Amino acid sequence: MTEGAPPNRFHHSRKRRPEDAPQEWYERSVAEVQALTKLFRDENYEALDGMDTVTVLTGTAAFTDPHTVRVECADGP
């Protein structure tokens, strides 16, 4: 569910053909990757948010050491 990790392996399966306009192909490819990422993120969120044993936090996360993550949420850490 991380935003910085798009599933770009799918993107490479659609190589640009010589007749494809480079800018149009690029824009279409980026849109397809973003749509696929959103689909995965939405499905994962729904699956996890419905579990009693999971707490979903929405915010910005950063590792503070090799075993700890700090999450800054809109309402505080």
C-alpha atoms as a PDB file:
ATOM      1  CA  MET A   1       0.000   0.000   0.000  1.00  0.00           C
ATOM      2  CA  THR A   2       2.968   2.289  -0.256  1.00  0.00           C
ATOM      3  CA  GLU A   3       2.560   5.068  -2.729  1.00  0.00           C
ATOM      4  CA  GLY A   4       6.164   5.074  -3.865  1.00  0.00           C
ATOM      5  CA  ALA A   5       6.175   1.486  -5.096  1.00  0.00           C
ATOM      6  CA  PRO A   6       4.155   1.218  -8.313  1.00  0.00           C
ATOM      7  CA  PRO A   7       3.898  -2.213  -9.923  1.00  0.00           C
ATOM      8  CA  ASN A   8       6.052  -1.176 -12.886  1.00  0.00           C
ATOM      9  CA  ARG A   9       6.728  -4.756 -13.983  1.00  0.00           C
ATOM     10  CA  PHE A  10       3.337  -4.607 -15.742  1.00  0.00           C
ATOM     11  CA  HIS A  11       4.342  -1.431 -17.519  1.00  0.00           C
ATOM     12  CA  HIS A  12       7.290  -3.162 -19.210  1.00  0.00           C
ATOM     13  CA  SER A  13       5.029  -5.752 -20.792  1.00  0.00           C
ATOM     14  CA  ARG A  14       3.773  -3.069 -23.214  1.00  0.00           C
ATOM     15  CA  LYS A  15       6.878  -1.957 -25.079  1.00  0.00           C
ATOM     16  CA  ARG A  16       6.513   1.082 -27.291  1.00  0.00           C
ATOM     17  CA  ARG A  17       6.188   0.244 -30.952  1.00  0.00           C
ATOM     18  CA  PRO A  18       7.955   2.440 -33.527  1.00  0.00           C
ATOM     19  CA  GLU A  19       4.607   3.776 -34.777  1.00  0.00           C
ATOM     20  CA  ASP A  20       3.534   4.890 -31.266  1.00  0.00           C
ATOM     21  CA  ALA A  21       3.880   8.618 -30.611  1.00  0.00           C
ATOM     22  CA  PRO A  22       6.372   8.757 -27.704  1.00  0.00           C
ATOM     23  CA  GLN A  23       4.542  11.366 -25.599  1.00  0.00           C
ATOM     24  CA  GLU A  24       1.126   9.736 -26.029  1.00  0.00           C
ATOM     25  CA  TRP A  25       2.568   6.294 -25.265  1.00  0.00           C
ATOM     26  CA  TYR A  26       4.300   7.627 -22.150  1.00  0.00           C
ATOM     27  CA  GLU A  27       1.177   9.381 -20.846  1.00  0.00           C
ATOM     28  CA  ARG A  28      -0.973   6.311 -21.483  1.00  0.00           C
ATOM     29  CA  SER A  29       1.582   4.030 -19.807  1.00  0.00           C
ATOM     30  CA  VAL A  30       1.821   6.228 -16.720  1.00  0.00           C
ATOM     31  CA  ALA A  31      -1.987   6.389 -16.475  1.00  0.00           C
ATOM     32  CA  GLU A  32      -2.214   2.579 -16.704  1.00  0.00           C
ATOM     33  CA  VAL A  33       0.376   2.095 -13.947  1.00  0.00           C
ATOM     34  CA  GLN A  34      -1.370   4.643 -11.727  1.00  0.00           C
ATOM     35  CA  ALA A  35      -4.756   2.971 -12.260  1.00  0.00           C
ATOM     36  CA  LEU A  36      -3.339  -0.448 -11.432  1.00  0.00           C
ATOM     37  CA  THR A  37      -1.585   0.898  -8.334  1.00  0.00           C
ATOM     38  CA  LYS A  38      -4.840   2.518  -7.153  1.00  0.00           C
ATOM     39  CA  LEU A  39      -6.724  -0.739  -7.691  1.00  0.00           C
ATOM     40  CA  PHE A  40      -4.210  -2.704  -5.606  1.00  0.00           C
ATOM     41  CA  ARG A  41      -4.118  -0.022  -2.910  1.00  0.00           C
ATOM     42  CA  ASP A  42      -7.916   0.165  -2.651  1.00  0.00           C
ATOM     43  CA  GLU A  43      -8.294  -3.619  -2.468  1.00  0.00           C
ATOM     44  CA  ASN A  44      -5.553  -3.935   0.166  1.00  0.00           C
ATOM     45  CA  TYR A  45      -7.008  -1.099   2.231  1.00  0.00           C
ATOM     46  CA  GLU A  46     -10.499  -2.616   2.229  1.00  0.00           C
ATOM     47  CA  ALA A  47      -9.151  -6.054   3.155  1.00  0.00           C
ATOM     48  CA  LEU A  48      -6.995  -4.750   6.014  1.00  0.00           C
ATOM     49  CA  ASP A  49      -9.375  -2.099   7.369  1.00  0.00           C
ATOM     50  CA  GLY A  50     -12.052  -4.736   7.953  1.00  0.00           C
ATOM     51  CA  MET A  51      -9.827  -6.841  10.240  1.00  0.00           C
ATOM     52  CA  ASP A  52     -10.142  -6.513  14.026  1.00  0.00           C
ATOM     53  CA  THR A  53      -6.424  -7.236  14.464  1.00  0.00           C
ATOM     54  CA  VAL A  54      -5.229  -4.419  12.143  1.00  0.00           C
ATOM     55  CA  THR A  55      -5.004  -0.686  12.757  1.00  0.00           C
ATOM     56  CA  VAL A  56      -4.868   1.315   9.523  1.00  0.00           C
ATOM     57  CA  LEU A  57      -2.977   4.609   9.723  1.00  0.00           C
ATOM     58  CA  THR A  58      -3.107   7.165   6.932  1.00  0.00           C
ATOM     59  CA  GLY A  59      -0.146   9.495   6.869  1.00  0.00           C
ATOM     60  CA  THR A  60       3.531   9.827   6.008  1.00  0.00           C
ATOM     61  CA  ALA A  61       5.865   7.144   7.315  1.00  0.00           C
ATOM     62  CA  ALA A  62       9.628   7.004   7.803  1.00  0.00           C
ATOM     63  CA  PHE A  63      11.970   4.469   9.359  1.00  0.00           C
ATOM     64  CA  THR A  64      13.561   5.756  12.553  1.00  0.00           C
ATOM     65  CA  ASP A  65      15.815   2.685  12.885  1.00  0.00           C
ATOM     66  CA  PRO A  66      15.993  -0.750  11.208  1.00  0.00           C
ATOM     67  CA  HIS A  67      12.978  -2.002  13.219  1.00  0.00           C
ATOM     68  CA  THR A  68      10.822   1.080  13.844  1.00  0.00           C
ATOM     69  CA  VAL A  69       8.539   3.165  11.644  1.00  0.00           C
ATOM     70  CA  ARG A  70       7.143   6.566  12.665  1.00  0.00           C
ATOM     71  CA  VAL A  71       3.853   7.611  11.050  1.00  0.00           C
ATOM     72  CA  GLU A  72       2.798  11.272  10.986  1.00  0.00           C
ATOM     73  CA  CYS A  73      -1.001  11.411  10.660  1.00  0.00           C
ATOM     74  CA  ALA A  74      -3.176  14.490  10.233  1.00  0.00           C
ATOM     75  CA  ASP A  75      -4.130  14.231  13.914  1.00  0.00           C
ATOM     76  CA  GLY A  76      -0.525  13.706  15.120  1.00  0.00           C
ATOM     77  CA  PRO A  77       1.992  10.827  15.397  1.00  0.00           C
END
